[in-house]
Amino acid sequence: MIAKKVAEETLATIRNNKNIIAEEEGKKISDMEEFIKLVDQRKKDIEVLSDTYEK
């Protein structure tokens, strides 16, 4: 019974902590990081193509 109360209090503390990233927010951040990686790769691809075209 005590363990259940402690667990409930811990979960409540986590839910109320603004520094904890929620599942949905974490997915958005992860998706954004993947998008940034994709954009960076496309920039590199464009640079390579541009260099090839100039030669």
PDB file of N, CA and C in Angstrom:
ATOM      1  N   MET A   1       0.831  -1.197   0.000  1.00  0.00           N
ATOM      2  CA  MET A   1       0.000   0.000   0.000  1.00  0.00           C
ATOM      3  C   MET A   1       0.872   1.255   0.000  1.00  0.00           C
ATOM      4  N   ILE A   2       1.936   1.240   0.814  1.00  0.00           N
ATOM      5  CA  ILE A   2       2.840   2.393   0.862  1.00  0.00           C
ATOM      6  C   ILE A   2       3.525   2.577  -0.489  1.00  0.00           C
ATOM      7  N   ALA A   3       3.941   1.453  -1.102  1.00  0.00           N
ATOM      8  CA  ALA A   3       4.616   1.528  -2.401  1.00  0.00           C
ATOM      9  C   ALA A   3       3.696   2.132  -3.455  1.00  0.00           C
ATOM     10  N   LYS A   4       2.416   1.783  -3.402  1.00  0.00           N
ATOM     11  CA  LYS A   4       1.456   2.324  -4.362  1.00  0.00           C
ATOM     12  C   LYS A   4       1.328   3.834  -4.187  1.00  0.00           C
ATOM     13  N   LYS A   5       1.267   4.295  -2.949  1.00  0.00           N
ATOM     14  CA  LYS A   5       1.156   5.729  -2.655  1.00  0.00           C
ATOM     15  C   LYS A   5       2.398   6.467  -3.152  1.00  0.00           C
ATOM     16  N   VAL A   6       3.564   5.889  -2.913  1.00  0.00           N
ATOM     17  CA  VAL A   6       4.816   6.512  -3.359  1.00  0.00           C
ATOM     18  C   VAL A   6       4.849   6.574  -4.878  1.00  0.00           C
ATOM     19  N   ALA A   7       4.427   5.499  -5.531  1.00  0.00           N
ATOM     20  CA  ALA A   7       4.400   5.464  -6.992  1.00  0.00           C
ATOM     21  C   ALA A   7       3.460   6.538  -7.541  1.00  0.00           C
ATOM     22  N   GLU A   8       2.300   6.679  -6.940  1.00  0.00           N
ATOM     23  CA  GLU A   8       1.342   7.698  -7.379  1.00  0.00           C
ATOM     24  C   GLU A   8       1.917   9.101  -7.205  1.00  0.00           C
ATOM     25  N   GLU A   9       2.571   9.330  -6.080  1.00  0.00           N
ATOM     26  CA  GLU A   9       3.180  10.644  -5.836  1.00  0.00           C
ATOM     27  C   GLU A   9       4.313  10.914  -6.825  1.00  0.00           C
ATOM     28  N   THR A  10       5.096   9.889  -7.118  1.00  0.00           N
ATOM     29  CA  THR A  10       6.199  10.034  -8.074  1.00  0.00           C
ATOM     30  C   THR A  10       5.658  10.367  -9.460  1.00  0.00           C
ATOM     31  N   LEU A  11       4.626   9.647  -9.885  1.00  0.00           N
ATOM     32  CA  LEU A  11       4.026   9.919 -11.192  1.00  0.00           C
ATOM     33  C   LEU A  11       3.442  11.325 -11.249  1.00  0.00           C
ATOM     34  N   ALA A  12       2.808  11.755 -10.188  1.00  0.00           N
ATOM     35  CA  ALA A  12       2.250  13.108 -10.141  1.00  0.00           C
ATOM     36  C   ALA A  12       3.355  14.149 -10.241  1.00  0.00           C
ATOM     37  N   THR A  13       4.456  13.900  -9.563  1.00  0.00           N
ATOM     38  CA  THR A  13       5.597  14.822  -9.620  1.00  0.00           C
ATOM     39  C   THR A  13       6.151  14.898 -11.033  1.00  0.00           C
ATOM     40  N   ILE A  14       6.283  13.750 -11.685  1.00  0.00           N
ATOM     41  CA  ILE A  14       6.794  13.724 -13.062  1.00  0.00           C
ATOM     42  C   ILE A  14       5.852  14.483 -13.987  1.00  0.00           C
ATOM     43  N   ARG A  15       4.546  14.246 -13.847  1.00  0.00           N
ATOM     44  CA  ARG A  15       3.567  14.925 -14.707  1.00  0.00           C
ATOM     45  C   ARG A  15       3.604  16.438 -14.536  1.00  0.00           C
ATOM     46  N   ASN A  16       3.873  16.894 -13.341  1.00  0.00           N
ATOM     47  CA  ASN A  16       3.860  18.326 -13.056  1.00  0.00           C
ATOM     48  C   ASN A  16       5.205  19.004 -13.290  1.00  0.00           C
ATOM     49  N   ASN A  17       6.228  18.244 -13.612  1.00  0.00           N
ATOM     50  CA  ASN A  17       7.560  18.798 -13.833  1.00  0.00           C
ATOM     51  C   ASN A  17       7.671  19.292 -15.272  1.00  0.00           C
ATOM     52  N   LYS A  18       7.904  20.581 -15.451  1.00  0.00           N
ATOM     53  CA  LYS A  18       7.978  21.166 -16.790  1.00  0.00           C
ATOM     54  C   LYS A  18       9.235  20.738 -17.540  1.00  0.00           C
ATOM     55  N   ASN A  19      10.230  20.200 -16.836  1.00  0.00           N
ATOM     56  CA  ASN A  19      11.464  19.762 -17.483  1.00  0.00           C
ATOM     57  C   ASN A  19      11.376  18.349 -18.050  1.00  0.00           C
ATOM     58  N   ILE A  20      10.294  17.654 -17.763  1.00  0.00           N
ATOM     59  CA  ILE A  20      10.093  16.303 -18.281  1.00  0.00           C
ATOM     60  C   ILE A  20       9.432  16.413 -19.650  1.00  0.00           C
ATOM     61  N   ILE A  21       9.990  15.704 -20.623  1.00  0.00           N
ATOM     62  CA  ILE A  21       9.430  15.732 -21.976  1.00  0.00           C
ATOM     63  C   ILE A  21       8.378  14.628 -22.076  1.00  0.00           C
ATOM     64  N   ALA A  22       7.175  15.021 -22.447  1.00  0.00           N
ATOM     65  CA  ALA A  22       6.082  14.069 -22.596  1.00  0.00           C
ATOM     66  C   ALA A  22       6.285  13.257 -23.875  1.00  0.00           C
ATOM     67  N   GLU A  23       5.582  12.151 -23.955  1.00  0.00           N
ATOM     68  CA  GLU A  23       5.721  11.251 -25.101  1.00  0.00           C
ATOM     69  C   GLU A  23       5.463  11.969 -26.426  1.00  0.00           C
ATOM     70  N   GLU A  24       4.375  12.708 -26.511  1.00  0.00           N
ATOM     71  CA  GLU A  24       4.024  13.403 -27.753  1.00  0.00           C
ATOM     72  C   GLU A  24       5.065  14.470 -28.093  1.00  0.00           C
ATOM     73  N   GLU A  25       5.477  15.230 -27.105  1.00  0.00           N
ATOM     74  CA  GLU A  25       6.482  16.267 -27.325  1.00  0.00           C
ATOM     75  C   GLU A  25       7.815  15.639 -27.731  1.00  0.00           C
ATOM     76  N   GLY A  26       8.150  14.528 -27.114  1.00  0.00           N
ATOM     77  CA  GLY A  26       9.380  13.817 -27.461  1.00  0.00           C
ATOM     78  C   GLY A  26       9.366  13.345 -28.900  1.00  0.00           C
ATOM     79  N   LYS A  27       8.208  12.873 -29.364  1.00  0.00           N
ATOM     80  CA  LYS A  27       8.077  12.440 -30.757  1.00  0.00           C
ATOM     81  C   LYS A  27       8.250  13.621 -31.695  1.00  0.00           C
ATOM     82  N   LYS A  28       7.678  14.764 -31.349  1.00  0.00           N
ATOM     83  CA  LYS A  28       7.832  15.957 -32.186  1.00  0.00           C
ATOM     84  C   LYS A  28       9.295  16.363 -32.284  1.00  0.00           C
ATOM     85  N   ILE A  29       9.993  16.321 -31.156  1.00  0.00           N
ATOM     86  CA  ILE A  29      11.412  16.680 -31.143  1.00  0.00           C
ATOM     87  C   ILE A  29      12.198  15.692 -31.998  1.00  0.00           C
ATOM     88  N   SER A  30      11.905  14.422 -31.851  1.00  0.00           N
ATOM     89  CA  SER A  30      12.590  13.388 -32.625  1.00  0.00           C
ATOM     90  C   SER A  30      12.333  13.576 -34.115  1.00  0.00           C
ATOM     91  N   ASP A  31      11.074  13.843 -34.470  1.00  0.00           N
ATOM     92  CA  ASP A  31      10.733  14.077 -35.871  1.00  0.00           C
ATOM     93  C   ASP A  31      11.467  15.300 -36.408  1.00  0.00           C
ATOM     94  N   MET A  32      11.562  16.348 -35.615  1.00  0.00           N
ATOM     95  CA  MET A  32      12.247  17.565 -36.036  1.00  0.00           C
ATOM     96  C   MET A  32      13.735  17.294 -36.233  1.00  0.00           C
ATOM     97  N   GLU A  33      14.330  16.515 -35.337  1.00  0.00           N
ATOM     98  CA  GLU A  33      15.747  16.171 -35.483  1.00  0.00           C
ATOM     99  C   GLU A  33      15.978  15.389 -36.769  1.00  0.00           C
ATOM    100  N   GLU A  34      15.081  14.464 -37.089  1.00  0.00           N
ATOM    101  CA  GLU A  34      15.196  13.696 -38.331  1.00  0.00           C
ATOM    102  C   GLU A  34      15.042  14.614 -39.541  1.00  0.00           C
ATOM    103  N   PHE A  35      14.125  15.560 -39.458  1.00  0.00           N
ATOM    104  CA  PHE A  35      13.919  16.515 -40.547  1.00  0.00           C
ATOM    105  C   PHE A  35      15.174  17.359 -40.767  1.00  0.00           C
ATOM    106  N   ILE A  36      15.774  17.817 -39.684  1.00  0.00           N
ATOM    107  CA  ILE A  36      16.993  18.628 -39.782  1.00  0.00           C
ATOM    108  C   ILE A  36      18.119  17.808 -40.408  1.00  0.00           C
ATOM    109  N   LYS A  37      18.255  16.548 -40.015  1.00  0.00           N
ATOM    110  CA  LYS A  37      19.270  15.675 -40.618  1.00  0.00           C
ATOM    111  C   LYS A  37      19.029  15.528 -42.116  1.00  0.00           C
ATOM    112  N   LEU A  38      17.771  15.354 -42.500  1.00  0.00           N
ATOM    113  CA  LEU A  38      17.426  15.205 -43.910  1.00  0.00           C
ATOM    114  C   LEU A  38      17.766  16.474 -44.690  1.00  0.00           C
ATOM    115  N   VAL A  39      17.427  17.621 -44.141  1.00  0.00           N
ATOM    116  CA  VAL A  39      17.730  18.898 -44.800  1.00  0.00           C
ATOM    117  C   VAL A  39      19.236  19.080 -44.935  1.00  0.00           C
ATOM    118  N   ASP A  40      19.980  18.770 -43.887  1.00  0.00           N
ATOM    119  CA  ASP A  40      21.443  18.878 -43.945  1.00  0.00           C
ATOM    120  C   ASP A  40      22.016  17.971 -45.027  1.00  0.00           C
ATOM    121  N   GLN A  41      21.483  16.757 -45.133  1.00  0.00           N
ATOM    122  CA  GLN A  41      21.969  15.831 -46.162  1.00  0.00           C
ATOM    123  C   GLN A  41      21.649  16.362 -47.550  1.00  0.00           C
ATOM    124  N   ARG A  42      20.472  16.933 -47.718  1.00  0.00           N
ATOM    125  CA  ARG A  42      20.095  17.493 -49.026  1.00  0.00           C
ATOM    126  C   ARG A  42      21.002  18.669 -49.390  1.00  0.00           C
ATOM    127  N   LYS A  43      21.359  19.489 -48.410  1.00  0.00           N
ATOM    128  CA  LYS A  43      22.284  20.604 -48.655  1.00  0.00           C
ATOM    129  C   LYS A  43      23.625  20.077 -49.153  1.00  0.00           C
ATOM    130  N   LYS A  44      24.114  19.019 -48.517  1.00  0.00           N
ATOM    131  CA  LYS A  44      25.383  18.416 -48.939  1.00  0.00           C
ATOM    132  C   LYS A  44      25.265  17.857 -50.353  1.00  0.00           C
ATOM    133  N   ASP A  45      24.146  17.204 -50.646  1.00  0.00           N
ATOM    134  CA  ASP A  45      23.926  16.662 -51.988  1.00  0.00           C
ATOM    135  C   ASP A  45      23.936  17.778 -53.029  1.00  0.00           C
ATOM    136  N   ILE A  46      23.298  18.886 -52.717  1.00  0.00           N
ATOM    137  CA  ILE A  46      23.251  20.025 -53.640  1.00  0.00           C
ATOM    138  C   ILE A  46      24.647  20.595 -53.854  1.00  0.00           C
ATOM    139  N   GLU A  47      25.428  20.690 -52.786  1.00  0.00           N
ATOM    140  CA  GLU A  47      26.801  21.195 -52.912  1.00  0.00           C
ATOM    141  C   GLU A  47      27.629  20.296 -53.815  1.00  0.00           C
ATOM    142  N   VAL A  48      27.496  18.991 -53.653  1.00  0.00           N
ATOM    143  CA  VAL A  48      28.242  18.043 -54.488  1.00  0.00           C
ATOM    144  C   VAL A  48      27.816  18.183 -55.941  1.00  0.00           C
ATOM    145  N   LEU A  49      26.523  18.247 -56.177  1.00  0.00           N
ATOM    146  CA  LEU A  49      26.031  18.407 -57.548  1.00  0.00           C
ATOM    147  C   LEU A  49      26.491  19.728 -58.150  1.00  0.00           C
ATOM    148  N   SER A  50      26.474  20.766 -57.351  1.00  0.00           N
ATOM    149  CA  SER A  50      26.912  22.081 -57.813  1.00  0.00           C
ATOM    150  C   SER A  50      28.391  22.053 -58.183  1.00  0.00           C
ATOM    151  N   ASP A  51      29.203  21.446 -57.327  1.00  0.00           N
ATOM    152  CA  ASP A  51      30.639  21.333 -57.610  1.00  0.00           C
ATOM    153  C   ASP A  51      30.880  20.522 -58.877  1.00  0.00           C
ATOM    154  N   THR A  52      30.127  19.464 -59.061  1.00  0.00           N
ATOM    155  CA  THR A  52      30.269  18.614 -60.243  1.00  0.00           C
ATOM    156  C   THR A  52      29.877  19.385 -61.498  1.00  0.00           C
ATOM    157  N   TYR A  53      28.824  20.149 -61.408  1.00  0.00           N
ATOM    158  CA  TYR A  53      28.337  20.922 -62.553  1.00  0.00           C
ATOM    159  C   TYR A  53      29.341  21.995 -62.962  1.00  0.00           C
ATOM    160  N   GLU A  54      29.986  22.623 -61.975  1.00  0.00           N
ATOM    161  CA  GLU A  54      30.945  23.693 -62.252  1.00  0.00           C
ATOM    162  C   GLU A  54      32.189  23.173 -62.959  1.00  0.00           C
ATOM    163  N   LYS A  55      32.534  21.916 -62.760  1.00  0.00           N
ATOM    164  CA  LYS A  55      33.739  21.345 -63.372  1.00  0.00           C
ATOM    165  C   LYS A  55      33.463  21.019 -64.768  1.00  0.00           C
TER     166      LYS A  55
END
